[in-house]
Protein backbone atom coordinates (compact mmCIF):
# COMPACT_ATOMS: atom_id res chain seq x y z
CA UNK A 1 113.16 78.90 90.21
CA UNK A 2 113.14 82.33 91.19
CA UNK A 3 114.66 85.70 90.17
CA UNK A 4 118.29 85.96 91.18
CA UNK A 5 118.99 89.35 92.70
CA UNK A 6 122.22 89.43 92.02
CA UNK A 7 122.37 88.92 88.42
CA UNK A 8 119.36 91.39 88.11
CA UNK A 9 120.20 94.37 90.01
CA UNK A 10 120.00 96.87 87.52
CA UNK A 11 116.22 95.85 86.16
CA UNK A 12 115.47 95.12 90.15
CA UNK A 13 116.62 98.74 91.33
CA UNK A 14 114.76 100.53 88.56
CA UNK A 15 111.35 98.10 88.96
CA UNK A 16 111.59 99.48 93.08
CA UNK A 17 111.52 103.10 92.34
CA UNK A 18 107.87 102.19 91.04
CA UNK A 19 106.92 99.89 93.71
CA UNK A 20 103.78 100.44 95.61
CA UNK A 21 103.14 98.43 98.54
CA UNK A 22 99.81 97.01 99.03
CA UNK A 23 97.52 94.91 100.62
CA UNK A 24 94.68 92.65 98.12
CA UNK A 25 91.57 93.75 98.91
CA UNK A 26 87.89 93.18 96.94
CA UNK A 27 88.02 96.55 95.73
CA UNK A 28 91.83 96.12 94.72
CA UNK A 29 92.38 92.59 93.47
CA UNK A 30 95.53 93.76 91.37
CA UNK A 31 98.03 92.81 93.89
CA UNK A 32 100.80 90.64 93.62
CA UNK A 33 102.99 89.45 96.49
CA UNK A 34 102.34 92.47 98.51
CA UNK A 35 102.80 94.77 95.62
CA UNK A 36 100.35 96.72 93.13
CA UNK A 37 100.11 95.18 89.81
CA UNK A 38 102.61 97.69 87.53
CA UNK A 39 100.95 96.32 84.09
CA UNK A 40 97.61 95.24 82.67
CA UNK A 41 96.30 92.10 83.49
CA UNK A 42 95.89 91.88 79.72
CA UNK A 43 99.51 92.56 79.66
CA UNK A 44 100.87 90.32 82.08
CA UNK A 45 98.56 87.64 80.04
CA UNK A 46 100.12 88.61 77.28
CA UNK A 47 103.72 87.86 78.64
CA UNK A 48 102.82 84.71 80.05
CA UNK A 49 101.37 83.56 76.39
CA UNK A 50 104.15 84.84 74.33
CA UNK A 51 106.47 82.70 76.87
CA UNK A 52 104.33 79.68 76.31
CA UNK A 53 104.74 79.98 72.20
CA UNK A 54 108.74 81.14 72.47
CA UNK A 55 110.55 79.73 75.88
CA UNK A 56 108.46 77.14 77.65
CA UNK A 57 111.20 76.54 79.82
CA UNK A 58 111.23 80.24 81.21
CA UNK A 59 109.33 81.08 84.24
CA UNK A 60 106.77 84.19 85.10
CA UNK A 61 108.14 85.83 88.10
CA UNK A 62 106.47 88.85 89.52
CA UNK A 63 109.08 91.41 91.24
CA UNK A 64 107.73 94.33 92.98
CA UNK A 65 104.29 94.07 90.90
CA UNK A 66 106.03 93.70 87.72
CA UNK A 67 105.95 90.70 85.79
CA UNK A 68 108.83 89.32 84.51
CA UNK A 69 110.23 86.37 82.85
CA UNK A 70 113.36 84.64 84.08
CA UNK A 71 115.61 81.81 82.88
CA UNK A 72 115.90 78.79 84.75
CA UNK A 73 118.79 80.25 86.79
CA UNK A 74 117.10 83.36 87.76
CA UNK A 75 118.39 85.66 84.97
CA UNK A 76 115.40 88.08 83.84
CA UNK A 77 114.99 88.61 80.34
CA UNK A 78 111.71 90.34 79.75
CA UNK A 79 109.56 92.24 81.56
CA UNK A 80 105.76 94.16 80.95
CA UNK A 81 104.71 96.90 82.17
CA UNK A 82 101.37 99.80 82.18
CA UNK A 83 99.38 98.91 79.45
CA UNK A 84 101.38 97.88 76.53
CA UNK A 85 104.97 98.00 77.11
CA UNK A 86 107.87 94.85 76.92
CA UNK A 87 111.15 95.65 77.61
CA UNK A 88 113.26 92.82 76.58
CA UNK A 89 117.16 91.89 77.03
CA UNK A 90 118.55 92.31 73.95
CA UNK A 91 122.44 92.81 73.64
CA UNK A 92 123.28 92.39 70.11
CA UNK A 93 122.50 94.23 67.03
CA UNK A 94 118.93 94.10 67.45
CA UNK A 95 116.76 97.42 66.87
CA UNK A 96 113.11 96.40 68.03
CA UNK A 97 111.83 99.34 70.23
CA UNK A 98 113.54 101.87 71.69
CA UNK A 99 116.74 101.55 74.55
CA UNK A 100 115.02 101.18 77.68
CA UNK A 101 115.84 104.52 79.82
CA UNK A 102 115.04 102.65 83.04
CA UNK A 103 117.15 99.41 82.89
CA UNK A 104 119.72 100.78 80.62
CA UNK A 105 122.13 98.60 77.80
CA UNK A 106 121.05 96.24 76.57
CA UNK A 107 117.83 96.52 77.31
CA UNK A 108 115.03 97.37 74.47
CA UNK A 109 111.53 98.63 75.36
CA UNK A 110 108.65 98.19 72.50
CA UNK A 111 105.01 97.66 71.92
CA UNK A 112 103.35 94.40 73.06
CA UNK A 113 101.04 94.88 69.91
CA UNK A 114 101.48 96.36 66.75
CA UNK A 115 100.43 100.18 67.43
CA UNK A 116 98.61 101.84 64.62
CA UNK A 117 97.75 99.41 62.32
CA UNK A 118 96.03 95.94 62.84
CA UNK A 119 98.42 93.21 64.49
CA UNK A 120 99.22 90.55 62.38
CA UNK A 121 100.87 86.72 62.31
CA UNK A 122 103.99 88.19 61.03
CA UNK A 123 103.88 90.76 63.87
CA UNK A 124 103.59 87.84 66.45
CA UNK A 125 106.43 85.66 65.06
CA UNK A 126 108.38 88.34 65.34
CA UNK A 127 107.70 89.09 68.93
CA UNK A 128 108.24 85.19 69.69
CA UNK A 129 111.40 85.21 67.61
CA UNK A 130 112.69 88.15 69.68
CA UNK A 131 111.70 86.65 72.94
CA UNK A 132 113.91 83.70 72.28
CA UNK A 133 116.79 85.82 71.23
CA UNK A 134 116.30 87.63 74.50
CA UNK A 135 116.09 84.08 76.47
CA UNK A 136 119.36 83.02 74.64
CA UNK A 137 121.08 85.95 74.86
CA UNK A 138 120.21 85.72 78.84
CA UNK A 139 121.65 82.31 78.68
CA UNK A 140 124.47 82.97 76.48
CA UNK A 141 125.63 85.54 79.55
CA UNK A 142 124.96 83.19 82.71
CA UNK A 143 126.97 80.31 80.62
CA UNK A 144 130.13 82.66 80.38
CA UNK A 145 129.86 83.39 84.27
CA UNK A 146 130.01 79.96 84.88
CA UNK A 147 132.23 78.83 82.41
CA UNK A 148 134.75 81.85 84.01
CA UNK A 149 133.86 81.35 87.98
């Protein structure tokens, strides 16, 4: 399983703008597949841990230094970037976060942890539920493509 570039053109085009080719060195170990990691390692771990709780059938991949979760058919449904941001593929009435200006609709961008108050178990469950929803929406999109193609 890997990222399908045709299915994710808008996301991959957006992240490619920020890509910084680099070689991994002892002084700069934050390089993945020849690109500088564009998420704090703790945030990449956070995305991986959320995946394990919400969508264990998904896979963590990296594109141009951005950690991404993708479905078994290669559709990206979640990414992480910077110090605290998650972007989720949420095409229905979900109002979590804000519209993602880089990826466009129906992507939403928000925080991996709560800001301004302690992170609670309810906050954690909300993120797990949102990832499940994003995964289901991505799978539904591919089911529609496969049945019509």
